[in-house]
Protein backbone atom coordinates (compact mmCIF):
# COMPACT_ATOMS: atom_id res chain seq x y z
CA UNK A 1 -57.18 -88.22 50.10
CA UNK A 2 -58.87 -89.27 53.32
CA UNK A 3 -60.06 -86.35 55.41
CA UNK A 4 -62.31 -87.32 58.29
CA UNK A 5 -62.45 -83.78 59.57
CA UNK A 6 -64.72 -82.60 56.78
CA UNK A 7 -66.37 -85.58 55.09
CA UNK A 8 -66.44 -88.69 57.33
CA UNK A 9 -69.09 -90.37 55.15
CA UNK A 10 -67.07 -89.82 52.02
CA UNK A 11 -63.91 -90.98 53.79
CA UNK A 12 -65.64 -94.22 54.79
CA UNK A 13 -66.79 -94.80 51.21
CA UNK A 14 -63.25 -94.20 50.02
CA UNK A 15 -61.95 -96.76 52.52
CA UNK A 16 -64.71 -99.30 51.73
CA UNK A 17 -62.65 -101.40 49.25
CA UNK A 18 -59.84 -101.71 51.78
CA UNK A 19 -62.20 -102.60 54.62
CA UNK A 20 -64.10 -105.15 52.55
CA UNK A 21 -60.85 -106.75 51.45
CA UNK A 22 -59.64 -106.82 55.04
CA UNK A 23 -62.88 -108.43 56.24
CA UNK A 24 -62.63 -111.06 53.51
CA UNK A 25 -59.06 -111.99 54.47
CA UNK A 26 -59.90 -112.21 58.16
CA UNK A 27 -63.05 -114.25 57.42
CA UNK A 28 -60.90 -116.70 55.45
CA UNK A 29 -58.52 -116.96 58.39
CA UNK A 30 -61.32 -117.59 60.89
CA UNK A 31 -62.99 -120.16 58.63
CA UNK A 32 -59.71 -122.02 58.17
CA UNK A 33 -59.12 -121.95 61.92
CA UNK A 34 -62.60 -123.33 62.60
CA UNK A 35 -62.15 -126.22 60.17
CA UNK A 36 -58.65 -127.02 61.37
CA UNK A 37 -59.67 -126.90 65.03
CA UNK A 38 -62.72 -129.07 64.41
CA UNK A 39 -60.52 -131.68 62.77
CA UNK A 40 -58.37 -131.71 65.92
CA UNK A 41 -61.37 -131.76 68.26
CA UNK A 42 -60.66 -128.27 69.59
CA UNK A 43 -62.78 -125.14 69.93
CA UNK A 44 -61.62 -122.34 67.65
CA UNK A 45 -63.50 -119.80 69.76
CA UNK A 46 -61.68 -120.94 72.92
CA UNK A 47 -58.37 -120.55 71.12
CA UNK A 48 -59.33 -116.99 70.21
CA UNK A 49 -60.69 -115.87 73.58
CA UNK A 50 -59.26 -117.99 76.39
CA UNK A 51 -55.56 -118.53 75.80
CA UNK A 52 -52.43 -116.83 77.13
CA UNK A 53 -52.80 -113.04 77.20
CA UNK A 54 -56.54 -113.25 76.56
CA UNK A 55 -56.95 -115.06 79.91
CA UNK A 56 -54.89 -112.46 81.73
CA UNK A 57 -56.91 -109.58 80.29
CA UNK A 58 -60.15 -111.35 81.22
CA UNK A 59 -58.97 -111.81 84.81
CA UNK A 60 -58.10 -108.12 85.05
CA UNK A 61 -61.56 -107.21 83.75
CA UNK A 62 -63.25 -109.56 86.18
CA UNK A 63 -61.12 -109.37 89.33
CA UNK A 64 -59.02 -106.25 88.91
CA UNK A 65 -55.30 -106.03 89.50
CA UNK A 66 -53.40 -107.98 92.13
CA UNK A 67 -53.50 -111.49 90.70
CA UNK A 68 -50.13 -113.21 90.30
CA UNK A 69 -48.63 -116.63 89.71
CA UNK A 70 -45.43 -117.74 91.46
CA UNK A 71 -43.40 -120.25 89.46
CA UNK A 72 -41.11 -122.91 90.93
CA UNK A 73 -38.01 -121.09 89.61
CA UNK A 74 -38.95 -118.00 91.64
CA UNK A 75 -40.39 -115.91 88.81
CA UNK A 76 -43.55 -113.98 89.62
CA UNK A 77 -46.06 -113.40 86.85
CA UNK A 78 -48.22 -110.45 87.93
CA UNK A 79 -51.20 -109.14 85.99
CA UNK A 80 -49.83 -105.64 86.61
CA UNK A 81 -47.76 -106.26 83.47
CA UNK A 82 -50.93 -105.88 81.37
CA UNK A 83 -52.04 -102.34 80.59
CA UNK A 84 -55.65 -101.49 81.48
CA UNK A 85 -57.49 -100.12 78.42
CA UNK A 86 -58.57 -103.47 76.93
CA UNK A 87 -59.80 -104.86 80.31
CA UNK A 88 -61.68 -101.59 80.90
CA UNK A 89 -63.44 -101.93 77.55
CA UNK A 90 -64.21 -105.60 78.26
CA UNK A 91 -65.74 -104.67 81.60
CA UNK A 92 -67.74 -101.80 80.07
CA UNK A 93 -69.12 -103.88 77.20
CA UNK A 94 -69.94 -106.75 79.54
CA UNK A 95 -71.83 -104.36 81.83
CA UNK A 96 -73.86 -102.95 78.93
CA UNK A 97 -74.63 -106.28 77.22
CA UNK A 98 -75.18 -109.93 78.17
CA UNK A 99 -71.68 -110.76 76.91
CA UNK A 100 -69.13 -112.39 79.18
CA UNK A 101 -65.74 -110.75 79.63
CA UNK A 102 -64.18 -113.15 77.13
CA UNK A 103 -66.95 -112.49 74.61
CA UNK A 104 -66.56 -108.76 75.12
CA UNK A 105 -62.82 -109.03 74.51
CA UNK A 106 -63.46 -110.83 71.22
CA UNK A 107 -65.96 -108.20 70.08
CA UNK A 108 -63.63 -105.35 71.06
CA UNK A 109 -60.79 -106.95 69.10
CA UNK A 110 -62.96 -107.46 65.99
CA UNK A 111 -64.16 -103.86 66.02
CA UNK A 112 -60.68 -102.57 66.83
CA UNK A 113 -59.18 -104.57 63.95
CA UNK A 114 -61.56 -102.86 61.52
CA UNK A 115 -60.69 -99.48 63.02
CA UNK A 116 -57.02 -100.36 62.69
CA UNK A 117 -57.46 -101.35 59.04
CA UNK A 118 -59.22 -98.05 58.38
CA UNK A 119 -56.44 -96.18 60.15
CA UNK A 120 -53.76 -97.95 58.10
CA UNK A 121 -55.68 -97.01 54.95
CA UNK A 122 -56.11 -93.39 56.05
CA UNK A 123 -52.39 -92.95 56.74
CA UNK A 124 -51.28 -94.65 53.51
CA UNK A 125 -53.93 -92.86 51.44
CA UNK A 126 -52.75 -89.52 52.82
CA UNK A 127 -49.13 -90.25 51.97
CA UNK A 128 -49.27 -92.36 48.80
CA UNK A 129 -52.87 -92.45 47.56
CA UNK A 130 -55.88 -94.76 47.70
CA UNK A 131 -54.55 -97.67 45.64
CA UNK A 132 -51.49 -98.00 47.86
CA UNK A 133 -53.79 -97.66 50.88
CA UNK A 134 -55.83 -100.69 49.85
CA UNK A 135 -52.66 -102.70 49.28
CA UNK A 136 -51.25 -101.70 52.69
CA UNK A 137 -54.41 -102.85 54.48
CA UNK A 138 -54.41 -106.19 52.65
CA UNK A 139 -50.74 -106.74 53.43
CA UNK A 140 -51.37 -106.03 57.10
CA UNK A 141 -54.26 -108.52 57.03
CA UNK A 142 -52.21 -111.34 55.47
CA UNK A 143 -49.29 -111.17 57.88
CA UNK A 144 -48.31 -114.66 59.03
CA UNK A 145 -49.44 -113.77 62.56
CA UNK A 146 -52.55 -111.98 61.28
CA UNK A 147 -54.80 -114.34 63.23
CA UNK A 148 -53.82 -112.34 66.35
CA UNK A 149 -55.84 -109.44 64.93
CA UNK A 150 -58.98 -111.52 65.59
CA UNK A 151 -58.00 -112.66 69.09
CA UNK A 152 -58.92 -111.07 72.41
CA UNK A 153 -55.45 -109.52 72.52
CA UNK A 154 -54.53 -105.84 72.64
CA UNK A 155 -52.57 -105.64 69.34
CA UNK A 156 -55.57 -104.61 67.21
CA UNK A 157 -56.72 -101.99 69.70
CA UNK A 158 -53.23 -100.57 69.97
CA UNK A 159 -52.70 -100.48 66.19
CA UNK A 160 -56.01 -98.67 65.73
CA UNK A 161 -55.11 -95.98 68.25
CA UNK A 162 -51.56 -95.67 66.90
CA UNK A 163 -52.63 -95.41 63.25
CA UNK A 164 -55.24 -92.74 63.92
CA UNK A 165 -52.86 -90.80 66.15
CA UNK A 166 -50.30 -90.80 63.33
CA UNK A 167 -52.99 -89.70 60.89
CA UNK A 168 -53.91 -86.85 63.23
CA UNK A 169 -50.26 -85.79 63.35
CA UNK A 170 -50.01 -85.89 59.56
CA UNK A 171 -53.09 -83.71 59.19
CA UNK A 172 -52.20 -81.25 61.96
CA UNK A 173 -54.85 -82.31 64.50
CA UNK A 174 -52.46 -82.11 67.41
CA UNK A 175 -54.89 -82.35 70.33
CA UNK A 176 -56.54 -85.41 68.76
CA UNK A 177 -53.12 -86.92 68.16
CA UNK A 178 -52.16 -86.37 71.79
CA UNK A 179 -55.37 -87.88 73.14
CA UNK A 180 -55.06 -90.98 70.94
CA UNK A 181 -51.40 -91.35 71.84
CA UNK A 182 -52.35 -91.19 75.51
CA UNK A 183 -54.93 -93.96 75.00
CA UNK A 184 -52.36 -96.02 73.10
CA UNK A 185 -50.11 -95.60 76.12
CA UNK A 186 -52.85 -97.16 78.26
CA UNK A 187 -53.00 -100.16 75.92
CA UNK A 188 -49.45 -101.49 75.59
CA UNK A 189 -45.93 -100.54 76.76
CA UNK A 190 -45.01 -99.88 73.13
CA UNK A 191 -47.29 -96.87 73.33
CA UNK A 192 -43.99 -95.06 73.85
CA UNK A 193 -43.53 -95.33 70.07
CA UNK A 194 -46.63 -93.20 69.45
CA UNK A 195 -45.52 -90.69 72.07
CA UNK A 196 -42.11 -90.48 70.40
CA UNK A 197 -43.71 -89.86 67.00
CA UNK A 198 -45.82 -87.01 68.37
CA UNK A 199 -42.95 -85.46 70.31
CA UNK A 200 -40.30 -85.67 67.60
CA UNK A 201 -42.62 -84.33 64.91
CA UNK A 202 -43.86 -81.54 67.16
CA UNK A 203 -40.34 -80.54 68.14
CA UNK A 204 -39.28 -80.55 64.47
CA UNK A 205 -42.24 -78.29 63.65
CA UNK A 206 -41.24 -75.78 66.34
CA UNK A 207 -37.65 -75.77 65.07
CA UNK A 208 -38.80 -75.26 61.50
CA UNK A 209 -41.00 -72.34 62.52
CA UNK A 210 -38.05 -70.77 64.30
CA UNK A 211 -35.85 -71.20 61.25
CA UNK A 212 -38.53 -69.77 58.97
CA UNK A 213 -38.90 -66.70 61.19
CA UNK A 214 -35.13 -66.21 61.10
CA UNK A 215 -35.08 -66.51 57.29
CA UNK A 216 -37.96 -64.04 56.99
CA UNK A 217 -36.24 -61.53 59.25
CA UNK A 218 -32.94 -61.87 57.37
CA UNK A 219 -34.64 -61.46 53.98
CA UNK A 220 -36.55 -58.39 55.12
CA UNK A 221 -33.35 -56.83 56.45
CA UNK A 222 -31.47 -57.49 53.20
CA UNK A 223 -34.25 -55.97 51.12
CA UNK A 224 -34.42 -52.88 53.35
CA UNK A 225 -30.65 -52.52 53.04
CA UNK A 226 -30.82 -52.64 49.26
CA UNK A 227 -33.54 -49.99 49.18
CA UNK A 228 -31.56 -47.71 51.54
CA UNK A 229 -28.40 -48.09 49.45
CA UNK A 230 -30.31 -47.20 46.27
CA UNK A 231 -31.87 -44.07 47.77
CA UNK A 232 -28.59 -42.89 49.34
CA UNK A 233 -26.72 -43.43 46.09
CA UNK A 234 -29.26 -41.46 44.12
CA UNK A 235 -29.15 -38.63 46.68
CA UNK A 236 -25.36 -38.42 46.54
CA UNK A 237 -25.41 -38.27 42.75
CA UNK A 238 -28.06 -35.55 42.89
CA UNK A 239 -26.04 -33.47 45.32
CA UNK A 240 -22.93 -33.77 43.16
CA UNK A 241 -24.84 -32.69 40.07
CA UNK A 242 -26.32 -29.76 41.97
CA UNK A 243 -22.91 -28.52 43.03
CA UNK A 244 -21.63 -28.73 39.44
CA UNK A 245 -24.61 -26.96 37.96
CA UNK A 246 -24.57 -24.09 40.43
CA UNK A 247 -21.23 -23.02 39.00
CA UNK A 248 -22.73 -22.52 35.52
CA UNK A 249 -25.05 -19.76 34.30
CA UNK A 250 -28.64 -20.77 34.76
CA UNK A 251 -27.45 -23.62 36.92
CA UNK A 252 -30.24 -23.31 39.48
CA UNK A 253 -32.95 -24.13 36.93
CA UNK A 254 -30.94 -27.05 35.51
CA UNK A 255 -30.21 -28.34 38.98
CA UNK A 256 -33.87 -28.38 39.96
CA UNK A 257 -34.76 -30.28 36.78
CA UNK A 258 -31.98 -32.84 37.29
CA UNK A 259 -32.89 -33.37 40.94
CA UNK A 260 -36.46 -34.14 39.88
CA UNK A 261 -35.27 -36.63 37.24
CA UNK A 262 -32.92 -38.40 39.67
CA UNK A 263 -35.63 -38.58 42.32
CA UNK A 264 -37.89 -40.34 39.83
CA UNK A 265 -35.06 -42.72 38.89
CA UNK A 266 -34.47 -43.62 42.54
CA UNK A 267 -38.18 -44.29 43.05
CA UNK A 268 -38.29 -46.58 40.00
CA UNK A 269 -35.20 -48.47 41.25
CA UNK A 270 -36.80 -49.04 44.65
CA UNK A 271 -40.00 -50.33 43.08
CA UNK A 272 -37.97 -52.65 40.85
CA UNK A 273 -36.15 -54.06 43.92
CA UNK A 274 -39.45 -54.67 45.69
CA UNK A 275 -40.86 -56.62 42.74
CA UNK A 276 -37.68 -58.64 42.13
CA UNK A 277 -38.02 -62.37 42.97
CA UNK A 278 -36.50 -63.44 46.27
CA UNK A 279 -33.14 -65.14 46.42
CA UNK A 280 -32.54 -68.83 46.92
CA UNK A 281 -32.52 -68.60 50.70
CA UNK A 282 -35.99 -67.19 50.95
CA UNK A 283 -37.63 -67.66 47.59
CA UNK A 284 -39.35 -70.93 48.29
CA UNK A 285 -42.97 -71.16 47.39
CA UNK A 286 -44.34 -71.81 50.87
CA UNK A 287 -47.79 -73.10 51.58
CA UNK A 288 -49.50 -73.79 54.87
CA UNK A 289 -47.36 -76.74 55.84
CA UNK A 290 -48.71 -79.76 57.63
CA UNK A 291 -48.26 -81.41 61.00
CA UNK A 292 -44.55 -81.32 61.16
CA UNK A 293 -44.02 -78.58 58.64
CA UNK A 294 -44.01 -80.31 55.29
CA UNK A 295 -41.94 -78.76 52.54
CA UNK A 296 -43.50 -76.19 50.28
CA UNK A 297 -45.58 -76.93 47.22
CA UNK A 298 -43.26 -77.97 44.45
CA UNK A 299 -40.43 -78.71 46.90
CA UNK A 300 -41.16 -82.25 48.07
CA UNK A 301 -38.36 -84.00 49.94
CA UNK A 302 -35.77 -85.68 47.79
CA UNK A 303 -35.31 -89.43 47.81
CA UNK A 304 -33.41 -90.44 50.92
CA UNK A 305 -34.86 -87.70 53.12
CA UNK A 306 -37.86 -87.81 55.40
CA UNK A 307 -40.48 -85.10 55.30
CA UNK A 308 -41.95 -84.03 58.60
CA UNK A 309 -45.37 -85.01 57.29
CA UNK A 310 -47.43 -84.74 54.18
CA UNK A 311 -47.22 -86.76 51.01
CA UNK A 312 -44.30 -88.84 49.87
CA UNK A 313 -44.10 -90.33 46.36
CA UNK A 314 -47.40 -91.75 45.18
CA UNK A 315 -47.95 -95.16 43.64
CA UNK A 316 -46.60 -94.02 40.29
CA UNK A 317 -43.51 -92.47 41.84
CA UNK A 318 -44.66 -88.88 41.41
CA UNK A 319 -44.35 -86.49 44.29
CA UNK A 320 -47.33 -84.40 45.20
CA UNK A 321 -47.58 -81.64 47.78
CA UNK A 322 -49.64 -81.78 50.94
CA UNK A 323 -51.86 -78.97 52.10
CA UNK A 324 -52.52 -80.26 55.60
CA UNK A 325 -52.57 -77.77 58.45
CA UNK A 326 -50.15 -78.09 61.31
CA UNK A 327 -47.39 -75.53 61.15
CA UNK A 328 -48.49 -71.96 61.04
CA UNK A 329 -47.76 -68.46 62.18
CA UNK A 330 -50.75 -68.21 64.49
CA UNK A 331 -50.26 -68.64 68.20
CA UNK A 332 -53.28 -70.96 68.29
CA UNK A 333 -51.53 -73.54 66.15
CA UNK A 334 -48.49 -73.54 68.40
CA UNK A 335 -50.64 -73.80 71.52
CA UNK A 336 -52.57 -76.77 70.11
CA UNK A 337 -49.34 -78.48 69.13
CA UNK A 338 -47.88 -77.96 72.60
CA UNK A 339 -51.09 -79.23 74.19
CA UNK A 340 -51.06 -82.36 72.02
CA UNK A 341 -47.44 -83.02 72.96
CA UNK A 342 -48.29 -82.59 76.64
CA UNK A 343 -51.23 -85.01 76.42
CA UNK A 344 -49.38 -87.75 74.53
CA UNK A 345 -47.36 -89.33 77.38
CA UNK A 346 -50.05 -89.08 80.07
CA UNK A 347 -51.47 -92.58 79.54
CA UNK A 348 -48.17 -94.41 79.84
CA UNK A 349 -46.95 -92.19 82.66
CA UNK A 350 -50.16 -92.54 84.67
CA UNK A 351 -50.19 -96.33 84.57
CA UNK A 352 -46.47 -96.77 85.20
CA UNK A 353 -46.58 -94.39 88.17
CA UNK A 354 -49.68 -96.12 89.52
CA UNK A 355 -47.96 -99.51 89.33
CA UNK A 356 -44.96 -98.04 91.13
CA UNK A 357 -47.24 -96.75 93.87
CA UNK A 358 -49.14 -100.05 94.02
CA UNK A 359 -45.95 -102.10 94.39
CA UNK A 360 -44.30 -99.60 96.71
CA UNK A 361 -41.20 -99.48 94.49
CA UNK A 362 -41.59 -96.01 93.05
CA UNK A 363 -41.42 -94.99 89.39
CA UNK A 364 -39.36 -98.06 88.46
CA UNK A 365 -41.83 -100.51 89.97
CA UNK A 366 -43.23 -101.44 86.57
CA UNK A 367 -39.78 -102.56 85.43
CA UNK A 368 -39.67 -104.96 88.37
CA UNK A 369 -43.04 -106.35 87.34
CA UNK A 370 -41.74 -106.96 83.82
CA UNK A 371 -38.58 -108.51 85.22
CA UNK A 372 -40.79 -111.10 86.92
CA UNK A 373 -41.83 -112.14 83.40
CA UNK A 374 -38.16 -112.04 82.32
CA UNK A 375 -38.93 -109.08 80.10
CA UNK A 376 -36.62 -106.11 79.73
CA UNK A 377 -34.54 -104.13 77.26
CA UNK A 378 -31.06 -105.57 76.72
CA UNK A 379 -30.23 -104.12 73.31
CA UNK A 380 -30.92 -107.43 71.57
CA UNK A 381 -28.39 -109.52 73.51
CA UNK A 382 -30.89 -112.22 74.51
CA UNK A 383 -32.25 -112.41 70.97
CA UNK A 384 -28.76 -112.70 69.49
CA UNK A 385 -27.90 -115.46 71.94
CA UNK A 386 -31.14 -117.25 71.06
CA UNK A 387 -30.27 -117.13 67.37
CA UNK A 388 -26.69 -118.18 68.03
CA UNK A 389 -27.84 -121.24 69.96
CA UNK A 390 -29.67 -122.41 66.85
CA UNK A 391 -26.36 -123.07 65.11
CA UNK A 392 -25.31 -125.80 67.54
CA UNK A 393 -26.86 -128.50 65.33
CA UNK A 394 -27.71 -128.83 61.68
CA UNK A 395 -31.54 -128.92 61.71
CA UNK A 396 -31.82 -125.95 64.04
CA UNK A 397 -29.14 -124.09 62.06
CA UNK A 398 -31.65 -123.71 59.24
CA UNK A 399 -34.04 -122.02 61.67
CA UNK A 400 -31.21 -119.75 62.83
CA UNK A 401 -30.41 -118.78 59.25
CA UNK A 402 -34.10 -118.08 58.66
CA UNK A 403 -34.21 -115.80 61.69
CA UNK A 404 -31.21 -113.84 60.46
CA UNK A 405 -32.82 -113.45 57.04
CA UNK A 406 -36.05 -112.30 58.68
CA UNK A 407 -34.32 -109.64 60.78
CA UNK A 408 -32.33 -108.49 57.76
CA UNK A 409 -35.59 -108.16 55.79
CA UNK A 410 -37.12 -105.99 58.52
CA UNK A 411 -34.07 -103.74 58.61
CA UNK A 412 -34.02 -103.54 54.81
CA UNK A 413 -37.68 -102.52 54.74
CA UNK A 414 -36.98 -99.75 57.23
CA UNK A 415 -34.08 -98.49 55.12
CA UNK A 416 -36.37 -98.43 52.09
CA UNK A 417 -38.92 -96.45 54.12
CA UNK A 418 -36.24 -93.86 54.86
CA UNK A 419 -35.01 -93.72 51.27
CA UNK A 420 -38.55 -93.28 49.96
CA UNK A 421 -38.96 -90.23 52.17
CA UNK A 422 -41.72 -91.43 54.47
CA UNK A 423 -43.04 -88.68 56.76
CA UNK A 424 -41.08 -88.26 59.96
CA UNK A 425 -43.81 -89.49 62.38
CA UNK A 426 -44.10 -92.80 60.51
CA UNK A 427 -40.33 -93.34 60.55
CA UNK A 428 -40.07 -92.56 64.26
CA UNK A 429 -43.03 -94.78 65.15
CA UNK A 430 -41.91 -97.77 63.06
CA UNK A 431 -38.32 -97.41 64.26
CA UNK A 432 -39.26 -97.42 67.95
CA UNK A 433 -41.71 -100.34 67.58
CA UNK A 434 -39.07 -102.37 65.73
CA UNK A 435 -36.32 -101.54 68.24
CA UNK A 436 -38.49 -102.45 71.23
CA UNK A 437 -39.54 -105.73 69.61
CA UNK A 438 -36.11 -106.88 68.49
CA UNK A 439 -34.04 -105.52 71.37
CA UNK A 440 -36.23 -106.70 74.26
CA UNK A 441 -35.38 -109.81 76.25
CA UNK A 442 -38.93 -111.16 76.01
CA UNK A 443 -39.76 -114.66 74.80
CA UNK A 444 -38.80 -114.95 71.15
CA UNK A 445 -42.11 -116.50 70.13
CA UNK A 446 -43.80 -113.19 70.96
CA UNK A 447 -41.64 -111.09 68.65
CA UNK A 448 -43.59 -111.62 65.40
CA UNK A 449 -46.81 -110.32 66.98
CA UNK A 450 -44.92 -107.52 68.75
CA UNK A 451 -43.84 -106.33 65.30
CA UNK A 452 -47.38 -106.43 63.91
CA UNK A 453 -48.26 -102.81 64.84
CA UNK A 454 -45.27 -101.55 62.79
CA UNK A 455 -47.43 -101.20 59.67
CA UNK A 456 -45.31 -98.41 58.06
CA UNK A 457 -42.76 -101.13 57.27
CA UNK A 458 -45.30 -102.56 54.83
CA UNK A 459 -45.63 -99.38 52.78
CA UNK A 460 -42.74 -100.10 50.37
CA UNK A 461 -44.35 -103.44 49.56
CA UNK A 462 -47.74 -101.74 49.24
CA UNK A 463 -46.26 -99.30 46.72
CA UNK A 464 -44.83 -102.18 44.70
CA UNK A 465 -48.23 -103.89 44.62
CA UNK A 466 -49.95 -100.63 43.72
CA UNK A 467 -47.67 -100.19 40.70
CA UNK A 468 -48.33 -103.72 39.44
CA UNK A 469 -51.28 -104.75 37.31
CA UNK A 470 -54.48 -105.32 39.27
CA UNK A 471 -54.75 -108.96 38.23
CA UNK A 472 -51.19 -109.70 39.31
CA UNK A 473 -51.60 -107.87 42.64
CA UNK A 474 -54.85 -109.71 43.35
CA UNK A 475 -53.21 -113.07 42.62
CA UNK A 476 -50.31 -112.33 44.95
CA UNK A 477 -52.56 -111.18 47.78
CA UNK A 478 -54.89 -114.19 47.36
CA UNK A 479 -52.01 -116.66 47.47
CA UNK A 480 -50.47 -115.04 50.55
CA UNK A 481 -53.90 -114.85 52.23
CA UNK A 482 -54.39 -118.61 51.83
CA UNK A 483 -50.90 -119.31 53.18
CA UNK A 484 -51.47 -116.95 56.10
CA UNK A 485 -54.81 -118.59 56.95
CA UNK A 486 -53.26 -122.06 56.95
CA UNK A 487 -50.29 -120.97 59.01
CA UNK A 488 -52.51 -119.14 61.52
CA UNK A 489 -54.68 -122.21 62.02
CA UNK A 490 -51.63 -124.45 62.42
CA UNK A 491 -49.92 -121.99 64.76
CA UNK A 492 -52.90 -121.38 67.02
CA UNK A 493 -53.61 -125.11 67.30
CA UNK A 494 -49.98 -125.65 68.21
CA UNK A 495 -47.63 -123.53 70.27
CA UNK A 496 -48.71 -119.99 69.46
CA UNK A 497 -49.24 -117.29 70.17
CA UNK A 498 -47.66 -116.68 73.56
């Protein structure tokens, strides 16, 4: 199991197969893009560093905020819609090296994609084991929109921060989790998903601690009551025997002897009660639970339930306990958890409030900026209308049916994640990312890449690959990698990605 807190070198060696496989898949994608672009007389590097969002991030790095484009229909596209962490890193790297802002953005994205792959491996390895971790990384690399991971976009940087924040939650490093969540909130609006994962898991841990304290108090009270009842009963019997014996000749001697025997019997009964196993309500074999309070050793969550953190079924379907810190009786643990929860939303809150101050429209100013791009949260109405419009003619109806199948597949994968008992922070994170992607009124062409950070959705597929024979898994991944590389080259030389 990956544990960067104690053996970072060993953890890197453990992740090496996943990282090498990821690098190979991305190299294939870049090579295919270069050949395809050359055949069309285009520059692959320009497509990766100077198109759509990449241009907006570069302008922020170079000129700062305040740039906007007014369209003939009245829409205003302001660069305030783009969160600042990637432009900051581009500016920093450009100041320290001879690289241009665009070059710096490309380098940041390449390094961030490797960090993201390592984070995906670390999370999956912690929950399901190393073999599943390698498969999860390869599946994330071969996504149809995987070419975005190599572009000067913020998806790779965000996924890296999100994955490592989730790993920190799973292993009980609450302050680290909060700091990374705060940085994720400075990267993309969907940083709210990481904040939600930290907050929900932390709140669940506090509630579990409160319940455990109540169970402990109740158990102690019941045991004390049993001991008191035993002693009182023995005393009453002794007194009754004493009264009977005093009426007989020589009764005082017999009474003293019987009182001594009954006192010994009461003592033995009390000791037997103390050594008796605890009842069902309090007899769980508890260990130091992890970041959200994982269930005790030997009591892993049943299928269909989510553990707060820790290990779900491994690649062979067996359930193994987790011994990660995170929920404990010490005040220090609770303080660190509370501090991590307090840090998590600071990044998003700081930028949103700054935009509100900059625009003079208060805390909701950022929503107005997004409205200028026709972005917002409408519960999926715009997306449903987009899909419905596809059924107005036969050729486009096939595309509409494909979209419905795709959405159904995403929902099905999430249901499988729940049924397999994924840790609570992963379920919360993936659920919020998916909801924000599918239920936002943004341009539909952006939705596939908006879903890319939701890597926990890939874990059921990773488990299936991990259970298969190595040769079969390798063949499947290789075939999908070739298809993904071809699609990425075609897509980037055509309409995508917006």
